[in-house]
Every structure is written in C-alpha cells, then in structure tokens.
C-alpha cells in the first residue's frame, strides 16, 4: 500500500519556523516529483512548492518565495518543507503530493498520483 505520511505540523507564533516532513512508504518514488499543497479554512487548495527527483527543478508559489525551502532525501524517500518567517495567512492543512511526470504537472492538483492525509499548521498573530 502506497502512503505519503506528513509530520511536523503544529502551532507557532508569527515569525517562527516549522519543518514539515513527508515520508513515502509502500514503493520507491524514483523519478517522481514531490511537492506540497495547502488548504486554508474556507479557501481552495493551492500549490506551495515542488521539487524534481534530481532537484534540478524547484518551484514555489509567489506567496512563500524567500520564506519556504523544499528539499528531498531520495535515499530516505522523504521530502521536506522548511517554513521560516511564518505569517498567520500560512495557517492551513499542508498536503504532500507525488507526481510521476514532473514539477510542472505537479502544480495542477488534478494530475497528481498520490496525496498524503495532511498536517495542520497554525500560525498565531
């Protein structure tokens, strides 16, 4: 059974940092792009960041550029999202995704192959 399991969410004050992890189990994700989406209360789910297998392609939403960093450890089948300078508007459920084609397709949530169950990030003002 293929699973993406997120961890690292929680409650943090504005200006603080959190590091999300996503561990893939049940198969290896060789050549898969990995990434993150988020969904805030009452809003549509939106793209956050993506990284290719080789790490040569990395994309961010404009709203998180300069504050968030995506990385991956292919030996551990794990992708990370380091979130710094957090703002109350970053409050959302964060979802890990995997895409067999690449980072461009990953940005379209309809095209993703696997999704995690989500982890809550709450930023207080």
C-alpha atoms as a PDB file:
ATOM      1  CA  UNK A   1       0.000   0.000   0.000  1.00  0.00           C
ATOM      2  CA  UNK A   2       1.441   3.318  -1.071  1.00  0.00           C
ATOM      3  CA  UNK A   3       1.319   6.050   1.533  1.00  0.00           C
ATOM      4  CA  UNK A   4       2.599   9.579   1.940  1.00  0.00           C
ATOM      5  CA  UNK A   5       2.779  10.399   5.637  1.00  0.00           C
ATOM      6  CA  UNK A   6       3.268  14.008   6.710  1.00  0.00           C
ATOM      7  CA  UNK A   7       4.584  15.155  10.076  1.00  0.00           C
ATOM      8  CA  UNK A   8       5.929  18.293  11.714  1.00  0.00           C
ATOM      9  CA  UNK A   9       2.830  20.457  11.778  1.00  0.00           C
ATOM     10  CA  UNK A  10       1.761  22.378  14.845  1.00  0.00           C
ATOM     11  CA  UNK A  11       1.118  25.746  16.432  1.00  0.00           C
ATOM     12  CA  UNK A  12       3.703  28.510  16.115  1.00  0.00           C
ATOM     13  CA  UNK A  13       3.777  32.265  16.619  1.00  0.00           C
ATOM     14  CA  UNK A  14       4.099  34.640  13.705  1.00  0.00           C
ATOM     15  CA  UNK A  15       7.734  34.963  12.681  1.00  0.00           C
ATOM     16  CA  UNK A  16       8.529  31.445  13.823  1.00  0.00           C
ATOM     17  CA  UNK A  17       9.585  28.360  11.908  1.00  0.00           C
ATOM     18  CA  UNK A  18       8.397  24.818  11.292  1.00  0.00           C
ATOM     19  CA  UNK A  19       9.774  21.934   9.272  1.00  0.00           C
ATOM     20  CA  UNK A  20       7.362  19.549   7.618  1.00  0.00           C
ATOM     21  CA  UNK A  21       8.390  16.056   6.559  1.00  0.00           C
ATOM     22  CA  UNK A  22       6.723  13.632   4.179  1.00  0.00           C
ATOM     23  CA  UNK A  23       7.791  10.011   4.185  1.00  0.00           C
ATOM     24  CA  UNK A  24       6.769   7.815   1.279  1.00  0.00           C
ATOM     25  CA  UNK A  25       6.149   4.149   2.029  1.00  0.00           C
ATOM     26  CA  UNK A  26       4.974   1.171   0.015  1.00  0.00           C
ATOM     27  CA  UNK A  27       7.121   1.909  -3.003  1.00  0.00           C
ATOM     28  CA  UNK A  28      10.075   3.974  -4.065  1.00  0.00           C
ATOM     29  CA  UNK A  29       9.453   7.239  -5.831  1.00  0.00           C
ATOM     30  CA  UNK A  30      12.306   7.077  -8.309  1.00  0.00           C
ATOM     31  CA  UNK A  31      11.860   9.848 -10.879  1.00  0.00           C
ATOM     32  CA  UNK A  32       8.764  11.222  -9.133  1.00  0.00           C
ATOM     33  CA  UNK A  33       8.439  14.910  -8.488  1.00  0.00           C
ATOM     34  CA  UNK A  34       7.344  15.678  -4.931  1.00  0.00           C
ATOM     35  CA  UNK A  35       5.697  18.733  -3.511  1.00  0.00           C
ATOM     36  CA  UNK A  36       3.294  20.456  -1.160  1.00  0.00           C
ATOM     37  CA  UNK A  37      -0.163  21.968  -1.380  1.00  0.00           C
ATOM     38  CA  UNK A  38      -2.139  23.698   1.352  1.00  0.00           C
ATOM     39  CA  UNK A  39      -5.746  24.476   2.104  1.00  0.00           C
ATOM     40  CA  UNK A  40      -6.841  27.210   4.476  1.00  0.00           C
ATOM     41  CA  UNK A  41     -10.320  27.250   6.035  1.00  0.00           C
ATOM     42  CA  UNK A  42     -12.911  28.395   3.513  1.00  0.00           C
ATOM     43  CA  UNK A  43     -10.392  28.550   0.678  1.00  0.00           C
ATOM     44  CA  UNK A  44      -9.426  26.352  -2.238  1.00  0.00           C
ATOM     45  CA  UNK A  45      -6.400  24.134  -2.041  1.00  0.00           C
ATOM     46  CA  UNK A  46      -3.337  25.842  -3.516  1.00  0.00           C
ATOM     47  CA  UNK A  47       0.138  24.911  -4.706  1.00  0.00           C
ATOM     48  CA  UNK A  48       3.039  25.679  -2.358  1.00  0.00           C
ATOM     49  CA  UNK A  49       6.257  24.100  -3.655  1.00  0.00           C
ATOM     50  CA  UNK A  50       7.621  21.331  -5.872  1.00  0.00           C
ATOM     51  CA  UNK A  51      10.953  19.587  -6.398  1.00  0.00           C
ATOM     52  CA  UNK A  52      12.053  17.188  -9.111  1.00  0.00           C
ATOM     53  CA  UNK A  53      13.746  13.843  -8.466  1.00  0.00           C
ATOM     54  CA  UNK A  54      17.151  15.249  -9.432  1.00  0.00           C
ATOM     55  CA  UNK A  55      16.499  18.505  -7.526  1.00  0.00           C
ATOM     56  CA  UNK A  56      17.248  20.421 -10.725  1.00  0.00           C
ATOM     57  CA  UNK A  57      13.722  21.865 -10.886  1.00  0.00           C
ATOM     58  CA  UNK A  58      12.317  23.633  -7.839  1.00  0.00           C
ATOM     59  CA  UNK A  59       9.209  25.826  -7.900  1.00  0.00           C
ATOM     60  CA  UNK A  60       7.491  27.949  -5.281  1.00  0.00           C
ATOM     61  CA  UNK A  61       4.253  29.859  -5.052  1.00  0.00           C
ATOM     62  CA  UNK A  62       4.890  33.596  -5.015  1.00  0.00           C
ATOM     63  CA  UNK A  63       3.361  33.826  -1.543  1.00  0.00           C
ATOM     64  CA  UNK A  64       6.107  31.666   0.017  1.00  0.00           C
ATOM     65  CA  UNK A  65       9.190  32.557  -2.059  1.00  0.00           C
ATOM     66  CA  UNK A  66      12.101  33.584   0.129  1.00  0.00           C
ATOM     67  CA  UNK A  67      10.488  32.105   3.246  1.00  0.00           C
ATOM     68  CA  UNK A  68       9.948  28.409   2.451  1.00  0.00           C
ATOM     69  CA  UNK A  69      12.515  25.883   1.221  1.00  0.00           C
ATOM     70  CA  UNK A  70      11.691  22.476  -0.237  1.00  0.00           C
ATOM     71  CA  UNK A  71      14.232  19.666  -0.219  1.00  0.00           C
ATOM     72  CA  UNK A  72      14.338  15.886  -0.527  1.00  0.00           C
ATOM     73  CA  UNK A  73      16.387  12.906   0.563  1.00  0.00           C
ATOM     74  CA  UNK A  74      15.900  10.236  -2.092  1.00  0.00           C
ATOM     75  CA  UNK A  75      17.670   7.573  -0.053  1.00  0.00           C
ATOM     76  CA  UNK A  76      15.046   8.059   2.662  1.00  0.00           C
ATOM     77  CA  UNK A  77      12.119   8.557   0.267  1.00  0.00           C
ATOM     78  CA  UNK A  78      11.375  11.774   2.144  1.00  0.00           C
ATOM     79  CA  UNK A  79      10.606  15.353   1.164  1.00  0.00           C
ATOM     80  CA  UNK A  80      10.834  18.346   3.498  1.00  0.00           C
ATOM     81  CA  UNK A  81       9.375  21.828   3.688  1.00  0.00           C
ATOM     82  CA  UNK A  82      11.293  24.287   5.842  1.00  0.00           C
ATOM     83  CA  UNK A  83       8.985  27.198   6.671  1.00  0.00           C
ATOM     84  CA  UNK A  84      10.512  30.375   8.096  1.00  0.00           C
ATOM     85  CA  UNK A  85       9.084  33.804   8.890  1.00  0.00           C
ATOM     86  CA  UNK A  86       5.644  32.273   9.196  1.00  0.00           C
ATOM     87  CA  UNK A  87       2.590  34.501   8.908  1.00  0.00           C
ATOM     88  CA  UNK A  88      -0.988  33.976  10.124  1.00  0.00           C
ATOM     89  CA  UNK A  89      -2.025  33.633   6.479  1.00  0.00           C
ATOM     90  CA  UNK A  90       0.156  30.495   6.243  1.00  0.00           C
ATOM     91  CA  UNK A  91      -2.342  28.751   8.523  1.00  0.00           C
ATOM     92  CA  UNK A  92      -3.654  25.731   6.607  1.00  0.00           C
ATOM     93  CA  UNK A  93      -3.634  21.987   6.269  1.00  0.00           C
ATOM     94  CA  UNK A  94      -0.496  21.084   4.320  1.00  0.00           C
ATOM     95  CA  UNK A  95      -0.572  18.120   1.942  1.00  0.00           C
ATOM     96  CA  UNK A  96       2.319  16.192   0.461  1.00  0.00           C
ATOM     97  CA  UNK A  97       1.963  15.030  -3.162  1.00  0.00           C
ATOM     98  CA  UNK A  98       3.853  12.883  -5.638  1.00  0.00           C
ATOM     99  CA  UNK A  99       3.735  13.181  -9.417  1.00  0.00           C
ATOM    100  CA  UNK A 100       5.123  10.679 -11.903  1.00  0.00           C
ATOM    101  CA  UNK A 101       5.666  13.248 -14.689  1.00  0.00           C
ATOM    102  CA  UNK A 102       7.351  16.261 -13.129  1.00  0.00           C
ATOM    103  CA  UNK A 103       7.105  19.552 -11.311  1.00  0.00           C
ATOM    104  CA  UNK A 104       5.075  21.316 -13.997  1.00  0.00           C
ATOM    105  CA  UNK A 105       2.335  18.689 -13.852  1.00  0.00           C
ATOM    106  CA  UNK A 106       2.528  18.592 -10.058  1.00  0.00           C
ATOM    107  CA  UNK A 107       1.310  22.199  -9.902  1.00  0.00           C
ATOM    108  CA  UNK A 108      -2.019  21.006 -11.322  1.00  0.00           C
ATOM    109  CA  UNK A 109      -3.512  19.122  -8.402  1.00  0.00           C
ATOM    110  CA  UNK A 110      -5.744  17.107 -10.713  1.00  0.00           C
ATOM    111  CA  UNK A 111      -2.637  15.464 -12.200  1.00  0.00           C
ATOM    112  CA  UNK A 112      -1.026  14.188  -9.019  1.00  0.00           C
ATOM    113  CA  UNK A 113      -0.719  10.470  -8.413  1.00  0.00           C
ATOM    114  CA  UNK A 114      -0.512  10.330  -4.646  1.00  0.00           C
ATOM    115  CA  UNK A 115      -1.613  12.526  -1.743  1.00  0.00           C
ATOM    116  CA  UNK A 116      -0.872  12.466   1.963  1.00  0.00           C
ATOM    117  CA  UNK A 117      -3.540  12.856   4.623  1.00  0.00           C
ATOM    118  CA  UNK A 118      -2.423  16.363   5.580  1.00  0.00           C
ATOM    119  CA  UNK A 119      -0.879  18.032   8.601  1.00  0.00           C
ATOM    120  CA  UNK A 120      -2.232  21.146  10.314  1.00  0.00           C
ATOM    121  CA  UNK A 121      -0.085  24.281  10.556  1.00  0.00           C
ATOM    122  CA  UNK A 122      -1.452  27.103  12.693  1.00  0.00           C
ATOM    123  CA  UNK A 123       0.308  30.460  12.948  1.00  0.00           C
ATOM    124  CA  UNK A 124      -0.878  32.774  15.702  1.00  0.00           C
ATOM    125  CA  UNK A 125      -0.541  36.547  15.491  1.00  0.00           C
END
